[in-house]
C-alpha atoms as a PDB file:
ATOM      1  CA  UNK A   1     -98.187-161.604 114.256  1.00  0.00           C
ATOM      2  CA  UNK A   2    -101.330-161.137 116.174  1.00  0.00           C
ATOM      3  CA  UNK A   3    -101.959-157.539 115.288  1.00  0.00           C
ATOM      4  CA  UNK A   4    -101.401-157.541 111.147  1.00  0.00           C
ATOM      5  CA  UNK A   5    -103.697-160.465 111.684  1.00  0.00           C
ATOM      6  CA  UNK A   6    -106.057-158.487 113.219  1.00  0.00           C
ATOM      7  CA  UNK A   7    -106.092-155.733 110.775  1.00  0.00           C
ATOM      8  CA  UNK A   8    -105.745-157.682 107.415  1.00  0.00           C
ATOM      9  CA  UNK A   9    -108.572-161.257 108.938  1.00  0.00           C
ATOM     10  CA  UNK A  10    -110.307-160.220 112.034  1.00  0.00           C
ATOM     11  CA  UNK A  11    -111.363-156.004 110.755  1.00  0.00           C
ATOM     12  CA  UNK A  12    -113.548-157.566 107.700  1.00  0.00           C
ATOM     13  CA  UNK A  13    -115.291-160.401 109.513  1.00  0.00           C
ATOM     14  CA  UNK A  14    -116.020-157.808 112.618  1.00  0.00           C
ATOM     15  CA  UNK A  15    -117.273-155.273 109.847  1.00  0.00           C
ATOM     16  CA  UNK A  16    -119.741-158.500 108.461  1.00  0.00           C
ATOM     17  CA  UNK A  17    -120.600-160.002 111.738  1.00  0.00           C
ATOM     18  CA  UNK A  18    -121.492-156.583 113.370  1.00  0.00           C
ATOM     19  CA  UNK A  19    -123.075-154.674 110.447  1.00  0.00           C
ATOM     20  CA  UNK A  20    -120.380-151.874 110.693  1.00  0.00           C
ATOM     21  CA  UNK A  21    -120.053-149.562 107.425  1.00  0.00           C
ATOM     22  CA  UNK A  22    -116.544-148.425 108.122  1.00  0.00           C
ATOM     23  CA  UNK A  23    -113.420-149.800 109.139  1.00  0.00           C
ATOM     24  CA  UNK A  24    -112.893-147.404 111.767  1.00  0.00           C
ATOM     25  CA  UNK A  25    -115.823-148.421 113.392  1.00  0.00           C
ATOM     26  CA  UNK A  26    -114.610-151.885 114.227  1.00  0.00           C
ATOM     27  CA  UNK A  27    -113.917-152.502 118.292  1.00  0.00           C
ATOM     28  CA  UNK A  28    -109.966-152.727 118.637  1.00  0.00           C
ATOM     29  CA  UNK A  29    -107.788-153.138 121.979  1.00  0.00           C
ATOM     30  CA  UNK A  30    -106.822-150.259 122.972  1.00  0.00           C
ATOM     31  CA  UNK A  31    -104.873-151.380 126.371  1.00  0.00           C
ATOM     32  CA  UNK A  32    -103.827-154.318 128.619  1.00  0.00           C
ATOM     33  CA  UNK A  33    -103.524-153.707 132.356  1.00  0.00           C
ATOM     34  CA  UNK A  34    -102.144-156.834 134.324  1.00  0.00           C
ATOM     35  CA  UNK A  35    -102.400-156.450 137.833  1.00  0.00           C
ATOM     36  CA  UNK A  36    -100.834-158.466 140.554  1.00  0.00           C
ATOM     37  CA  UNK A  37    -101.802-157.283 144.429  1.00  0.00           C
ATOM     38  CA  UNK A  38     -99.151-159.103 146.799  1.00  0.00           C
ATOM     39  CA  UNK A  39    -100.567-157.511 150.163  1.00  0.00           C
ATOM     40  CA  UNK A  40     -99.249-157.027 153.360  1.00  0.00           C
ATOM     41  CA  UNK A  41     -95.968-158.978 153.523  1.00  0.00           C
ATOM     42  CA  UNK A  42     -92.827-158.879 156.443  1.00  0.00           C
ATOM     43  CA  UNK A  43     -90.336-160.075 153.127  1.00  0.00           C
ATOM     44  CA  UNK A  44     -89.176-157.291 150.637  1.00  0.00           C
ATOM     45  CA  UNK A  45     -88.395-160.129 148.632  1.00  0.00           C
ATOM     46  CA  UNK A  46     -92.151-161.141 147.773  1.00  0.00           C
ATOM     47  CA  UNK A  47     -92.405-157.676 146.422  1.00  0.00           C
ATOM     48  CA  UNK A  48     -89.586-157.898 144.550  1.00  0.00           C
ATOM     49  CA  UNK A  49     -90.315-161.133 142.975  1.00  0.00           C
ATOM     50  CA  UNK A  50     -93.705-160.301 141.431  1.00  0.00           C
ATOM     51  CA  UNK A  51     -92.204-157.189 139.683  1.00  0.00           C
ATOM     52  CA  UNK A  52     -89.668-159.552 138.548  1.00  0.00           C
ATOM     53  CA  UNK A  53     -92.159-161.786 137.288  1.00  0.00           C
ATOM     54  CA  UNK A  54     -94.536-159.220 135.613  1.00  0.00           C
ATOM     55  CA  UNK A  55     -91.563-157.759 133.673  1.00  0.00           C
ATOM     56  CA  UNK A  56     -90.832-160.774 132.429  1.00  0.00           C
ATOM     57  CA  UNK A  57     -94.352-161.633 131.165  1.00  0.00           C
ATOM     58  CA  UNK A  58     -95.505-158.289 130.177  1.00  0.00           C
ATOM     59  CA  UNK A  59     -91.967-157.452 129.078  1.00  0.00           C
ATOM     60  CA  UNK A  60     -92.316-153.905 129.895  1.00  0.00           C
ATOM     61  CA  UNK A  61     -91.275-152.875 133.728  1.00  0.00           C
ATOM     62  CA  UNK A  62     -94.508-152.461 136.196  1.00  0.00           C
ATOM     63  CA  UNK A  63     -95.050-149.792 138.826  1.00  0.00           C
ATOM     64  CA  UNK A  64     -95.401-150.382 142.475  1.00  0.00           C
ATOM     65  CA  UNK A  65     -98.705-149.587 143.556  1.00  0.00           C
ATOM     66  CA  UNK A  66     -98.848-148.495 147.283  1.00  0.00           C
ATOM     67  CA  UNK A  67    -101.861-148.405 149.533  1.00  0.00           C
ATOM     68  CA  UNK A  68    -103.906-145.051 149.269  1.00  0.00           C
ATOM     69  CA  UNK A  69    -105.441-145.156 153.248  1.00  0.00           C
ATOM     70  CA  UNK A  70    -104.750-147.176 156.415  1.00  0.00           C
ATOM     71  CA  UNK A  71    -106.492-150.026 156.801  1.00  0.00           C
ATOM     72  CA  UNK A  72    -105.876-151.408 160.275  1.00  0.00           C
ATOM     73  CA  UNK A  73    -107.438-154.708 159.961  1.00  0.00           C
ATOM     74  CA  UNK A  74    -105.041-155.495 157.476  1.00  0.00           C
ATOM     75  CA  UNK A  75    -102.367-153.777 159.537  1.00  0.00           C
ATOM     76  CA  UNK A  76    -101.911-151.527 156.297  1.00  0.00           C
ATOM     77  CA  UNK A  77    -100.276-148.019 156.573  1.00  0.00           C
ATOM     78  CA  UNK A  78    -101.340-145.419 153.953  1.00  0.00           C
ATOM     79  CA  UNK A  79     -98.081-145.670 151.198  1.00  0.00           C
ATOM     80  CA  UNK A  80     -97.049-148.951 152.059  1.00  0.00           C
ATOM     81  CA  UNK A  81     -96.303-150.859 148.877  1.00  0.00           C
ATOM     82  CA  UNK A  82     -98.722-153.493 147.964  1.00  0.00           C
ATOM     83  CA  UNK A  83     -98.356-154.644 144.728  1.00  0.00           C
ATOM     84  CA  UNK A  84     -97.545-154.067 141.020  1.00  0.00           C
ATOM     85  CA  UNK A  85     -99.034-153.143 137.750  1.00  0.00           C
ATOM     86  CA  UNK A  86     -98.357-152.927 134.267  1.00  0.00           C
ATOM     87  CA  UNK A  87    -100.059-151.018 130.914  1.00  0.00           C
ATOM     88  CA  UNK A  88     -99.600-152.469 127.454  1.00  0.00           C
ATOM     89  CA  UNK A  89    -100.607-150.332 124.410  1.00  0.00           C
ATOM     90  CA  UNK A  90    -100.106-151.217 120.772  1.00  0.00           C
ATOM     91  CA  UNK A  91     -98.417-153.878 119.679  1.00  0.00           C
ATOM     92  CA  UNK A  92     -97.525-155.025 123.113  1.00  0.00           C
ATOM     93  CA  UNK A  93    -101.231-155.523 124.230  1.00  0.00           C
ATOM     94  CA  UNK A  94    -101.412-157.680 120.985  1.00  0.00           C
ATOM     95  CA  UNK A  95     -98.275-159.541 121.747  1.00  0.00           C
ATOM     96  CA  UNK A  96     -99.275-160.614 125.725  1.00  0.00           C
ATOM     97  CA  UNK A  97    -103.076-161.348 124.555  1.00  0.00           C
ATOM     98  CA  UNK A  98    -101.634-163.938 121.722  1.00  0.00           C
ATOM     99  CA  UNK A  99     -99.216-165.492 124.608  1.00  0.00           C
ATOM    100  CA  UNK A 100    -102.385-164.894 126.767  1.00  0.00           C
ATOM    101  CA  UNK A 101    -105.182-166.565 124.401  1.00  0.00           C
ATOM    102  CA  UNK A 102    -102.522-169.164 122.803  1.00  0.00           C
ATOM    103  CA  UNK A 103    -100.219-170.623 125.131  1.00  0.00           C
ATOM    104  CA  UNK A 104    -101.077-169.335 128.812  1.00  0.00           C
ATOM    105  CA  UNK A 105    -104.601-170.558 129.100  1.00  0.00           C
ATOM    106  CA  UNK A 106    -104.780-173.714 127.184  1.00  0.00           C
ATOM    107  CA  UNK A 107    -101.800-174.614 129.398  1.00  0.00           C
ATOM    108  CA  UNK A 108    -104.336-174.353 132.888  1.00  0.00           C
ATOM    109  CA  UNK A 109    -105.449-177.875 134.008  1.00  0.00           C
ATOM    110  CA  UNK A 110    -109.025-178.793 133.186  1.00  0.00           C
ATOM    111  CA  UNK A 111    -109.057-175.067 131.177  1.00  0.00           C
ATOM    112  CA  UNK A 112    -112.820-174.859 129.646  1.00  0.00           C
ATOM    113  CA  UNK A 113    -112.774-171.726 128.181  1.00  0.00           C
ATOM    114  CA  UNK A 114    -113.266-168.225 130.192  1.00  0.00           C
ATOM    115  CA  UNK A 115    -116.659-167.113 131.085  1.00  0.00           C
ATOM    116  CA  UNK A 116    -118.625-164.901 128.696  1.00  0.00           C
ATOM    117  CA  UNK A 117    -119.857-162.973 132.020  1.00  0.00           C
ATOM    118  CA  UNK A 118    -116.483-161.199 132.635  1.00  0.00           C
ATOM    119  CA  UNK A 119    -117.324-158.217 130.341  1.00  0.00           C
ATOM    120  CA  UNK A 120    -118.689-155.055 132.197  1.00  0.00           C
ATOM    121  CA  UNK A 121    -121.223-153.739 129.751  1.00  0.00           C
ATOM    122  CA  UNK A 122    -119.049-151.515 127.993  1.00  0.00           C
ATOM    123  CA  UNK A 123    -117.027-154.061 125.835  1.00  0.00           C
ATOM    124  CA  UNK A 124    -114.164-154.488 128.880  1.00  0.00           C
ATOM    125  CA  UNK A 125    -113.248-158.070 130.073  1.00  0.00           C
ATOM    126  CA  UNK A 126    -111.498-159.028 132.911  1.00  0.00           C
ATOM    127  CA  UNK A 127    -109.821-162.538 133.699  1.00  0.00           C
ATOM    128  CA  UNK A 128    -108.208-163.906 137.023  1.00  0.00           C
ATOM    129  CA  UNK A 129    -105.192-165.811 136.936  1.00  0.00           C
ATOM    130  CA  UNK A 130    -104.299-167.978 139.981  1.00  0.00           C
ATOM    131  CA  UNK A 131    -100.677-168.693 139.280  1.00  0.00           C
ATOM    132  CA  UNK A 132     -98.085-166.699 137.370  1.00  0.00           C
ATOM    133  CA  UNK A 133     -96.395-169.854 135.980  1.00  0.00           C
ATOM    134  CA  UNK A 134     -98.642-170.671 133.604  1.00  0.00           C
ATOM    135  CA  UNK A 135     -96.449-168.346 131.034  1.00  0.00           C
ATOM    136  CA  UNK A 136     -94.027-169.634 129.475  1.00  0.00           C
ATOM    137  CA  UNK A 137     -91.245-167.077 130.469  1.00  0.00           C
ATOM    138  CA  UNK A 138     -91.598-168.073 134.383  1.00  0.00           C
ATOM    139  CA  UNK A 139     -89.045-170.832 135.621  1.00  0.00           C
ATOM    140  CA  UNK A 140     -90.412-172.379 138.791  1.00  0.00           C
ATOM    141  CA  UNK A 141     -86.809-170.951 140.500  1.00  0.00           C
ATOM    142  CA  UNK A 142     -87.956-167.633 140.028  1.00  0.00           C
ATOM    143  CA  UNK A 143     -91.051-167.806 141.762  1.00  0.00           C
ATOM    144  CA  UNK A 144     -90.751-166.687 145.332  1.00  0.00           C
ATOM    145  CA  UNK A 145     -94.355-167.219 146.254  1.00  0.00           C
ATOM    146  CA  UNK A 146     -97.077-168.496 144.225  1.00  0.00           C
ATOM    147  CA  UNK A 147     -99.206-165.286 143.148  1.00  0.00           C
ATOM    148  CA  UNK A 148    -102.418-164.151 141.139  1.00  0.00           C
ATOM    149  CA  UNK A 149    -103.302-161.575 138.669  1.00  0.00           C
ATOM    150  CA  UNK A 150    -106.042-159.443 137.066  1.00  0.00           C
ATOM    151  CA  UNK A 151    -105.819-159.169 133.398  1.00  0.00           C
ATOM    152  CA  UNK A 152    -108.049-156.216 132.184  1.00  0.00           C
ATOM    153  CA  UNK A 153    -108.458-155.633 128.229  1.00  0.00           C
ATOM    154  CA  UNK A 154    -110.009-152.913 127.490  1.00  0.00           C
ATOM    155  CA  UNK A 155    -111.658-151.810 124.139  1.00  0.00           C
ATOM    156  CA  UNK A 156    -113.019-149.476 121.747  1.00  0.00           C
ATOM    157  CA  UNK A 157    -116.442-152.201 121.713  1.00  0.00           C
ATOM    158  CA  UNK A 158    -119.998-150.474 122.641  1.00  0.00           C
ATOM    159  CA  UNK A 159    -121.516-153.537 124.208  1.00  0.00           C
ATOM    160  CA  UNK A 160    -120.908-156.967 125.116  1.00  0.00           C
ATOM    161  CA  UNK A 161    -121.748-158.418 121.939  1.00  0.00           C
ATOM    162  CA  UNK A 162    -118.913-156.725 120.305  1.00  0.00           C
ATOM    163  CA  UNK A 163    -116.767-157.095 122.882  1.00  0.00           C
ATOM    164  CA  UNK A 164    -116.961-161.125 122.953  1.00  0.00           C
ATOM    165  CA  UNK A 165    -116.919-160.761 118.930  1.00  0.00           C
ATOM    166  CA  UNK A 166    -113.665-158.805 119.323  1.00  0.00           C
ATOM    167  CA  UNK A 167    -112.263-161.346 122.169  1.00  0.00           C
ATOM    168  CA  UNK A 168    -113.219-164.501 120.475  1.00  0.00           C
ATOM    169  CA  UNK A 169    -111.616-163.287 116.938  1.00  0.00           C
ATOM    170  CA  UNK A 170    -108.665-162.785 118.199  1.00  0.00           C
ATOM    171  CA  UNK A 171    -108.419-166.461 119.700  1.00  0.00           C
ATOM    172  CA  UNK A 172    -110.385-166.085 123.100  1.00  0.00           C
ATOM    173  CA  UNK A 173    -112.013-169.548 123.571  1.00  0.00           C
ATOM    174  CA  UNK A 174    -115.270-168.575 125.827  1.00  0.00           C
ATOM    175  CA  UNK A 175    -116.619-171.400 128.060  1.00  0.00           C
ATOM    176  CA  UNK A 176    -120.299-172.515 126.453  1.00  0.00           C
ATOM    177  CA  UNK A 177    -122.589-173.355 129.456  1.00  0.00           C
END
């Protein structure tokens, strides 16, 4: 399990690499937020399918997100269902990251690693995936429409260097440009 590996192996390496004196200073994953935006749609099965797929991927029921304001160019009214999201914390976050780094991302064709420029300056990392079918829980028959997702990994790291060290220790493959 990734969490026990994090506590027993990765934290001592991070303390040595980053020059930390206390175990509590070592960066850790706070939460993982997965968002699937489906936009304006005429068929309600598209939203139901994305909710079902996201619950299979995350192991937790997602929340349907609604439009905060009306946008006439996109024909969206205030309160329309436009996507779904789920927030994973604790062990579920580490289990999802293990699945993402070791199964889903390497399964993408011509995968060379994720961009190290996707950090926000405070150690949090965001990645976009174009299809949900890279996850092993999703079968081709269950997919109503090929849907992308945004994954944000929120950490306690204070800098991008600490965040990079944490995620590479957890198994994330970064692209070398």
